[in-house]
Amino acid sequence: MTLLQIRNLSDDVYTALRAAAQAENRTVPQQTVVLLRAALQVDDDRARRRRVLDRLDRLQVEAPDSLADPATLIREDRDR
């Protein structure tokens, strides 16, 4: 991971950042990353997974009532 150093950050911005971090039970660096991701619209893995699962839910694909026996499928494939 890359290290980011911020200089000349005003006290009021740092105070607000620290308060937001405490409210979310995060450290100041963790809260900074969360805010930067949101501002830059960069998804984290959980958001990406949630989006995929939501898309799958919207598709409403139903599983067939009965599935073929795997051993039968393997035999058929070998007989080709």
PDB file of N, CA and C in Angstrom:
ATOM      1  N   MET A   1       0.841  -1.184   0.000  1.00  0.00           N
ATOM      2  CA  MET A   1       0.000   0.000   0.000  1.00  0.00           C
ATOM      3  C   MET A   1       0.881   1.240   0.000  1.00  0.00           C
ATOM      4  N   THR A   2       0.331   2.268  -0.534  1.00  0.00           N
ATOM      5  CA  THR A   2       1.044   3.529  -0.632  1.00  0.00           C
ATOM      6  C   THR A   2       0.786   4.373   0.610  1.00  0.00           C
ATOM      7  N   LEU A   3       1.782   5.103   1.003  1.00  0.00           N
ATOM      8  CA  LEU A   3       1.680   5.997   2.144  1.00  0.00           C
ATOM      9  C   LEU A   3       1.311   7.378   1.638  1.00  0.00           C
ATOM     10  N   LEU A   4       0.366   8.033   2.300  1.00  0.00           N
ATOM     11  CA  LEU A   4      -0.061   9.378   1.932  1.00  0.00           C
ATOM     12  C   LEU A   4       0.169  10.286   3.125  1.00  0.00           C
ATOM     13  N   GLN A   5       0.854  11.372   2.888  1.00  0.00           N
ATOM     14  CA  GLN A   5       1.097  12.341   3.950  1.00  0.00           C
ATOM     15  C   GLN A   5       0.445  13.651   3.553  1.00  0.00           C
ATOM     16  N   ILE A   6      -0.307  14.238   4.468  1.00  0.00           N
ATOM     17  CA  ILE A   6      -0.992  15.493   4.190  1.00  0.00           C
ATOM     18  C   ILE A   6      -0.393  16.571   5.077  1.00  0.00           C
ATOM     19  N   ARG A   7       0.040  17.625   4.439  1.00  0.00           N
ATOM     20  CA  ARG A   7       0.617  18.742   5.186  1.00  0.00           C
ATOM     21  C   ARG A   7      -0.336  19.925   5.164  1.00  0.00           C
ATOM     22  N   ASN A   8      -0.188  20.773   6.152  1.00  0.00           N
ATOM     23  CA  ASN A   8      -0.961  22.015   6.249  1.00  0.00           C
ATOM     24  C   ASN A   8      -2.464  21.765   6.288  1.00  0.00           C
ATOM     25  N   LEU A   9      -2.867  20.706   6.968  1.00  0.00           N
ATOM     26  CA  LEU A   9      -4.287  20.424   7.150  1.00  0.00           C
ATOM     27  C   LEU A   9      -4.779  21.304   8.288  1.00  0.00           C
ATOM     28  N   SER A  10      -5.817  22.059   8.034  1.00  0.00           N
ATOM     29  CA  SER A  10      -6.305  22.990   9.056  1.00  0.00           C
ATOM     30  C   SER A  10      -6.874  22.211  10.246  1.00  0.00           C
ATOM     31  N   ASP A  11      -6.809  22.854  11.396  1.00  0.00           N
ATOM     32  CA  ASP A  11      -7.265  22.218  12.633  1.00  0.00           C
ATOM     33  C   ASP A  11      -8.744  21.852  12.577  1.00  0.00           C
ATOM     34  N   ASP A  12      -9.572  22.711  11.954  1.00  0.00           N
ATOM     35  CA  ASP A  12     -11.004  22.423  11.913  1.00  0.00           C
ATOM     36  C   ASP A  12     -11.301  21.193  11.047  1.00  0.00           C
ATOM     37  N   VAL A  13     -10.541  21.008   9.972  1.00  0.00           N
ATOM     38  CA  VAL A  13     -10.732  19.834   9.123  1.00  0.00           C
ATOM     39  C   VAL A  13     -10.302  18.576   9.873  1.00  0.00           C
ATOM     40  N   TYR A  14      -9.166  18.650  10.566  1.00  0.00           N
ATOM     41  CA  TYR A  14      -8.705  17.484  11.316  1.00  0.00           C
ATOM     42  C   TYR A  14      -9.668  17.142  12.450  1.00  0.00           C
ATOM     43  N   THR A  15     -10.193  18.157  13.113  1.00  0.00           N
ATOM     44  CA  THR A  15     -11.145  17.924  14.207  1.00  0.00           C
ATOM     45  C   THR A  15     -12.401  17.242  13.682  1.00  0.00           C
ATOM     46  N   ALA A  16     -12.905  17.697  12.541  1.00  0.00           N
ATOM     47  CA  ALA A  16     -14.084  17.083  11.936  1.00  0.00           C
ATOM     48  C   ALA A  16     -13.786  15.646  11.507  1.00  0.00           C
ATOM     49  N   LEU A  17     -12.604  15.426  10.962  1.00  0.00           N
ATOM     50  CA  LEU A  17     -12.196  14.088  10.533  1.00  0.00           C
ATOM     51  C   LEU A  17     -12.090  13.150  11.727  1.00  0.00           C
ATOM     52  N   ARG A  18     -11.494  13.626  12.797  1.00  0.00           N
ATOM     53  CA  ARG A  18     -11.354  12.812  14.006  1.00  0.00           C
ATOM     54  C   ARG A  18     -12.718  12.498  14.615  1.00  0.00           C
ATOM     55  N   ALA A  19     -13.626  13.471  14.624  1.00  0.00           N
ATOM     56  CA  ALA A  19     -14.975  13.243  15.157  1.00  0.00           C
ATOM     57  C   ALA A  19     -15.726  12.228  14.304  1.00  0.00           C
ATOM     58  N   ALA A  20     -15.598  12.330  12.986  1.00  0.00           N
ATOM     59  CA  ALA A  20     -16.258  11.371  12.097  1.00  0.00           C
ATOM     60  C   ALA A  20     -15.694   9.973  12.305  1.00  0.00           C
ATOM     61  N   ALA A  21     -14.390   9.877  12.492  1.00  0.00           N
ATOM     62  CA  ALA A  21     -13.753   8.579  12.728  1.00  0.00           C
ATOM     63  C   ALA A  21     -14.256   7.963  14.031  1.00  0.00           C
ATOM     64  N   GLN A  22     -14.342   8.760  15.068  1.00  0.00           N
ATOM     65  CA  GLN A  22     -14.823   8.249  16.353  1.00  0.00           C
ATOM     66  C   GLN A  22     -16.273   7.799  16.254  1.00  0.00           C
ATOM     67  N   ALA A  23     -17.086   8.544  15.523  1.00  0.00           N
ATOM     68  CA  ALA A  23     -18.492   8.192  15.376  1.00  0.00           C
ATOM     69  C   ALA A  23     -18.669   6.868  14.647  1.00  0.00           C
ATOM     70  N   GLU A  24     -17.731   6.526  13.772  1.00  0.00           N
ATOM     71  CA  GLU A  24     -17.794   5.286  12.991  1.00  0.00           C
ATOM     72  C   GLU A  24     -16.903   4.185  13.564  1.00  0.00           C
ATOM     73  N   ASN A  25     -16.325   4.425  14.749  1.00  0.00           N
ATOM     74  CA  ASN A  25     -15.409   3.473  15.393  1.00  0.00           C
ATOM     75  C   ASN A  25     -14.241   3.116  14.471  1.00  0.00           C
ATOM     76  N   ARG A  26     -13.672   4.118  13.832  1.00  0.00           N
ATOM     77  CA  ARG A  26     -12.522   3.931  12.960  1.00  0.00           C
ATOM     78  C   ARG A  26     -11.381   4.808  13.441  1.00  0.00           C
ATOM     79  N   THR A  27     -10.203   4.492  12.938  1.00  0.00           N
ATOM     80  CA  THR A  27      -9.070   5.374  13.181  1.00  0.00           C
ATOM     81  C   THR A  27      -9.146   6.525  12.184  1.00  0.00           C
ATOM     82  N   VAL A  28      -8.385   7.571  12.439  1.00  0.00           N
ATOM     83  CA  VAL A  28      -8.360   8.707  11.507  1.00  0.00           C
ATOM     84  C   VAL A  28      -7.880   8.256  10.123  1.00  0.00           C
ATOM     85  N   PRO A  29      -6.814   7.456  10.007  1.00  0.00           N
ATOM     86  CA  PRO A  29      -6.418   6.995   8.673  1.00  0.00           C
ATOM     87  C   PRO A  29      -7.499   6.148   7.976  1.00  0.00           C
ATOM     88  N   GLN A  30      -8.179   5.280   8.735  1.00  0.00           N
ATOM     89  CA  GLN A  30      -9.249   4.473   8.140  1.00  0.00           C
ATOM     90  C   GLN A  30     -10.378   5.367   7.630  1.00  0.00           C
ATOM     91  N   GLN A  31     -10.754   6.351   8.430  1.00  0.00           N
ATOM     92  CA  GLN A  31     -11.831   7.264   8.025  1.00  0.00           C
ATOM     93  C   GLN A  31     -11.413   8.079   6.803  1.00  0.00           C
ATOM     94  N   THR A  32     -10.155   8.461   6.746  1.00  0.00           N
ATOM     95  CA  THR A  32      -9.658   9.211   5.593  1.00  0.00           C
ATOM     96  C   THR A  32      -9.787   8.389   4.322  1.00  0.00           C
ATOM     97  N   VAL A  33      -9.441   7.103   4.398  1.00  0.00           N
ATOM     98  CA  VAL A  33      -9.555   6.230   3.228  1.00  0.00           C
ATOM     99  C   VAL A  33     -11.020   6.083   2.820  1.00  0.00           C
ATOM    100  N   VAL A  34     -11.911   5.891   3.788  1.00  0.00           N
ATOM    101  CA  VAL A  34     -13.336   5.755   3.492  1.00  0.00           C
ATOM    102  C   VAL A  34     -13.861   7.007   2.785  1.00  0.00           C
ATOM    103  N   LEU A  35     -13.492   8.170   3.302  1.00  0.00           N
ATOM    104  CA  LEU A  35     -13.960   9.422   2.708  1.00  0.00           C
ATOM    105  C   LEU A  35     -13.371   9.647   1.315  1.00  0.00           C
ATOM    106  N   LEU A  36     -12.101   9.318   1.136  1.00  0.00           N
ATOM    107  CA  LEU A  36     -11.492   9.463  -0.188  1.00  0.00           C
ATOM    108  C   LEU A  36     -12.141   8.525  -1.197  1.00  0.00           C
ATOM    109  N   ARG A  37     -12.399   7.281  -0.793  1.00  0.00           N
ATOM    110  CA  ARG A  37     -13.065   6.328  -1.702  1.00  0.00           C
ATOM    111  C   ARG A  37     -14.441   6.843  -2.114  1.00  0.00           C
ATOM    112  N   ALA A  38     -15.178   7.375  -1.155  1.00  0.00           N
ATOM    113  CA  ALA A  38     -16.512   7.892  -1.457  1.00  0.00           C
ATOM    114  C   ALA A  38     -16.429   9.116  -2.373  1.00  0.00           C
ATOM    115  N   ALA A  39     -15.503  10.003  -2.091  1.00  0.00           N
ATOM    116  CA  ALA A  39     -15.371  11.222  -2.902  1.00  0.00           C
ATOM    117  C   ALA A  39     -14.929  10.904  -4.323  1.00  0.00           C
ATOM    118  N   LEU A  40     -14.080   9.899  -4.464  1.00  0.00           N
ATOM    119  CA  LEU A  40     -13.562   9.528  -5.786  1.00  0.00           C
ATOM    120  C   LEU A  40     -14.403   8.441  -6.449  1.00  0.00           C
ATOM    121  N   GLN A  41     -15.442   8.020  -5.758  1.00  0.00           N
ATOM    122  CA  GLN A  41     -16.350   6.974  -6.245  1.00  0.00           C
ATOM    123  C   GLN A  41     -15.594   5.690  -6.596  1.00  0.00           C
ATOM    124  N   VAL A  42     -14.726   5.286  -5.685  1.00  0.00           N
ATOM    125  CA  VAL A  42     -13.970   4.044  -5.825  1.00  0.00           C
ATOM    126  C   VAL A  42     -14.625   3.014  -4.919  1.00  0.00           C
ATOM    127  N   ASP A  43     -15.076   1.909  -5.512  1.00  0.00           N
ATOM    128  CA  ASP A  43     -15.747   0.865  -4.733  1.00  0.00           C
ATOM    129  C   ASP A  43     -14.743   0.018  -3.967  1.00  0.00           C
ATOM    130  N   ASP A  44     -15.142  -0.406  -2.797  1.00  0.00           N
ATOM    131  CA  ASP A  44     -14.363  -1.423  -2.111  1.00  0.00           C
ATOM    132  C   ASP A  44     -14.953  -2.787  -2.475  1.00  0.00           C
ATOM    133  N   ASP A  45     -14.318  -3.838  -2.036  1.00  0.00           N
ATOM    134  CA  ASP A  45     -14.753  -5.193  -2.395  1.00  0.00           C
ATOM    135  C   ASP A  45     -16.175  -5.487  -1.928  1.00  0.00           C
ATOM    136  N   ARG A  46     -16.512  -5.032  -0.731  1.00  0.00           N
ATOM    137  CA  ARG A  46     -17.854  -5.304  -0.215  1.00  0.00           C
ATOM    138  C   ARG A  46     -18.927  -4.631  -1.058  1.00  0.00           C
ATOM    139  N   ALA A  47     -18.692  -3.405  -1.471  1.00  0.00           N
ATOM    140  CA  ALA A  47     -19.677  -2.695  -2.296  1.00  0.00           C
ATOM    141  C   ALA A  47     -19.821  -3.364  -3.652  1.00  0.00           C
ATOM    142  N   ARG A  48     -18.705  -3.801  -4.198  1.00  0.00           N
ATOM    143  CA  ARG A  48     -18.740  -4.478  -5.504  1.00  0.00           C
ATOM    144  C   ARG A  48     -19.517  -5.795  -5.394  1.00  0.00           C
ATOM    145  N   ARG A  49     -19.250  -6.560  -4.335  1.00  0.00           N
ATOM    146  CA  ARG A  49     -19.971  -7.818  -4.121  1.00  0.00           C
ATOM    147  C   ARG A  49     -21.460  -7.572  -3.920  1.00  0.00           C
ATOM    148  N   ARG A  50     -21.789  -6.550  -3.144  1.00  0.00           N
ATOM    149  CA  ARG A  50     -23.189  -6.225  -2.885  1.00  0.00           C
ATOM    150  C   ARG A  50     -23.899  -5.883  -4.195  1.00  0.00           C
ATOM    151  N   ARG A  51     -23.228  -5.134  -5.066  1.00  0.00           N
ATOM    152  CA  ARG A  51     -23.821  -4.766  -6.351  1.00  0.00           C
ATOM    153  C   ARG A  51     -24.093  -6.004  -7.211  1.00  0.00           C
ATOM    154  N   VAL A  52     -23.147  -6.932  -7.224  1.00  0.00           N
ATOM    155  CA  VAL A  52     -23.322  -8.162  -8.000  1.00  0.00           C
ATOM    156  C   VAL A  52     -24.473  -8.984  -7.433  1.00  0.00           C
ATOM    157  N   LEU A  53     -24.539  -9.118  -6.126  1.00  0.00           N
ATOM    158  CA  LEU A  53     -25.624  -9.881  -5.503  1.00  0.00           C
ATOM    159  C   LEU A  53     -26.975  -9.225  -5.755  1.00  0.00           C
ATOM    160  N   ASP A  54     -27.022  -7.911  -5.712  1.00  0.00           N
ATOM    161  CA  ASP A  54     -28.274  -7.210  -6.008  1.00  0.00           C
ATOM    162  C   ASP A  54     -28.710  -7.459  -7.444  1.00  0.00           C
ATOM    163  N   ARG A  55     -27.744  -7.444  -8.362  1.00  0.00           N
ATOM    164  CA  ARG A  55     -28.063  -7.713  -9.765  1.00  0.00           C
ATOM    165  C   ARG A  55     -28.604  -9.128  -9.934  1.00  0.00           C
ATOM    166  N   LEU A  56     -28.000 -10.086  -9.245  1.00  0.00           N
ATOM    167  CA  LEU A  56     -28.473 -11.467  -9.312  1.00  0.00           C
ATOM    168  C   LEU A  56     -29.880 -11.599  -8.738  1.00  0.00           C
ATOM    169  N   ASP A  57     -30.148 -10.875  -7.665  1.00  0.00           N
ATOM    170  CA  ASP A  57     -31.494 -10.906  -7.082  1.00  0.00           C
ATOM    171  C   ASP A  57     -32.530 -10.363  -8.064  1.00  0.00           C
ATOM    172  N   ARG A  58     -32.166  -9.326  -8.797  1.00  0.00           N
ATOM    173  CA  ARG A  58     -33.096  -8.748  -9.768  1.00  0.00           C
ATOM    174  C   ARG A  58     -33.375  -9.702 -10.927  1.00  0.00           C
ATOM    175  N   LEU A  59     -32.419 -10.553 -11.242  1.00  0.00           N
ATOM    176  CA  LEU A  59     -32.620 -11.501 -12.338  1.00  0.00           C
ATOM    177  C   LEU A  59     -33.667 -12.560 -11.993  1.00  0.00           C
ATOM    178  N   GLN A  60     -33.781 -12.871 -10.727  1.00  0.00           N
ATOM    179  CA  GLN A  60     -34.744 -13.852 -10.223  1.00  0.00           C
ATOM    180  C   GLN A  60     -34.660 -15.166 -11.000  1.00  0.00           C
ATOM    181  N   VAL A  61     -33.478 -15.679 -11.111  1.00  0.00           N
ATOM    182  CA  VAL A  61     -33.273 -16.959 -11.782  1.00  0.00           C
ATOM    183  C   VAL A  61     -33.604 -18.065 -10.795  1.00  0.00           C
ATOM    184  N   GLU A  62     -34.431 -18.985 -11.248  1.00  0.00           N
ATOM    185  CA  GLU A  62     -34.821 -20.089 -10.378  1.00  0.00           C
ATOM    186  C   GLU A  62     -34.047 -21.346 -10.752  1.00  0.00           C
ATOM    187  N   ALA A  63     -33.669 -22.093  -9.747  1.00  0.00           N
ATOM    188  CA  ALA A  63     -32.978 -23.361  -9.978  1.00  0.00           C
ATOM    189  C   ALA A  63     -33.994 -24.388 -10.437  1.00  0.00           C
ATOM    190  N   PRO A  64     -33.574 -25.301 -11.295  1.00  0.00           N
ATOM    191  CA  PRO A  64     -34.509 -26.349 -11.724  1.00  0.00           C
ATOM    192  C   PRO A  64     -34.923 -27.216 -10.540  1.00  0.00           C
ATOM    193  N   ASP A  65     -36.109 -27.814 -10.658  1.00  0.00           N
ATOM    194  CA  ASP A  65     -36.621 -28.648  -9.564  1.00  0.00           C
ATOM    195  C   ASP A  65     -35.740 -29.869  -9.327  1.00  0.00           C
ATOM    196  N   SER A  66     -35.252 -30.463 -10.409  1.00  0.00           N
ATOM    197  CA  SER A  66     -34.402 -31.634 -10.244  1.00  0.00           C
ATOM    198  C   SER A  66     -33.147 -31.466 -11.099  1.00  0.00           C
ATOM    199  N   LEU A  67     -32.062 -31.833 -10.554  1.00  0.00           N
ATOM    200  CA  LEU A  67     -30.782 -31.755 -11.257  1.00  0.00           C
ATOM    201  C   LEU A  67     -30.348 -33.160 -11.665  1.00  0.00           C
ATOM    202  N   ALA A  68     -29.654 -33.225 -12.773  1.00  0.00           N
ATOM    203  CA  ALA A  68     -29.173 -34.521 -13.245  1.00  0.00           C
ATOM    204  C   ALA A  68     -28.114 -35.068 -12.290  1.00  0.00           C
ATOM    205  N   ASP A  69     -28.029 -36.377 -12.245  1.00  0.00           N
ATOM    206  CA  ASP A  69     -27.034 -37.044 -11.411  1.00  0.00           C
ATOM    207  C   ASP A  69     -25.645 -36.752 -11.980  1.00  0.00           C
ATOM    208  N   PRO A  70     -24.724 -36.235 -11.185  1.00  0.00           N
ATOM    209  CA  PRO A  70     -23.386 -35.901 -11.680  1.00  0.00           C
ATOM    210  C   PRO A  70     -22.665 -37.104 -12.285  1.00  0.00           C
ATOM    211  N   ALA A  71     -22.825 -38.267 -11.685  1.00  0.00           N
ATOM    212  CA  ALA A  71     -22.154 -39.461 -12.217  1.00  0.00           C
ATOM    213  C   ALA A  71     -22.657 -39.780 -13.620  1.00  0.00           C
ATOM    214  N   THR A  72     -23.940 -39.612 -13.845  1.00  0.00           N
ATOM    215  CA  THR A  72     -24.519 -39.859 -15.176  1.00  0.00           C
ATOM    216  C   THR A  72     -23.950 -38.870 -16.185  1.00  0.00           C
ATOM    217  N   LEU A  73     -23.854 -37.626 -15.805  1.00  0.00           N
ATOM    218  CA  LEU A  73     -23.299 -36.607 -16.701  1.00  0.00           C
ATOM    219  C   LEU A  73     -21.842 -36.908 -17.053  1.00  0.00           C
ATOM    220  N   ILE A  74     -21.076 -37.357 -16.081  1.00  0.00           N
ATOM    221  CA  ILE A  74     -19.667 -37.677 -16.319  1.00  0.00           C
ATOM    222  C   ILE A  74     -19.552 -38.876 -17.281  1.00  0.00           C
ATOM    223  N   ARG A  75     -20.386 -39.899 -17.041  1.00  0.00           N
ATOM    224  CA  ARG A  75     -20.382 -41.070 -17.944  1.00  0.00           C
ATOM    225  C   ARG A  75     -20.730 -40.666 -19.367  1.00  0.00           C
ATOM    226  N   GLU A  76     -21.755 -39.836 -19.523  1.00  0.00           N
ATOM    227  CA  GLU A  76     -22.155 -39.382 -20.858  1.00  0.00           C
ATOM    228  C   GLU A  76     -21.027 -38.608 -21.530  1.00  0.00           C
ATOM    229  N   ASP A  77     -20.348 -37.796 -20.753  1.00  0.00           N
ATOM    230  CA  ASP A  77     -19.244 -37.008 -21.308  1.00  0.00           C
ATOM    231  C   ASP A  77     -18.085 -37.910 -21.732  1.00  0.00           C
ATOM    232  N   ARG A  78     -17.800 -38.941 -20.964  1.00  0.00           N
ATOM    233  CA  ARG A  78     -16.707 -39.868 -21.290  1.00  0.00           C
ATOM    234  C   ARG A  78     -17.039 -40.716 -22.520  1.00  0.00           C
ATOM    235  N   ASP A  79     -18.320 -41.018 -22.707  1.00  0.00           N
ATOM    236  CA  ASP A  79     -18.743 -41.858 -23.832  1.00  0.00           C
ATOM    237  C   ASP A  79     -18.697 -41.119 -25.156  1.00  0.00           C
ATOM    238  N   ARG A  80     -18.547 -39.828 -25.153  1.00  0.00           N
ATOM    239  CA  ARG A  80     -18.522 -39.072 -26.417  1.00  0.00           C
ATOM    240  C   ARG A  80     -17.281 -39.352 -27.215  1.00  0.00           C
TER     241      ARG A  80
END
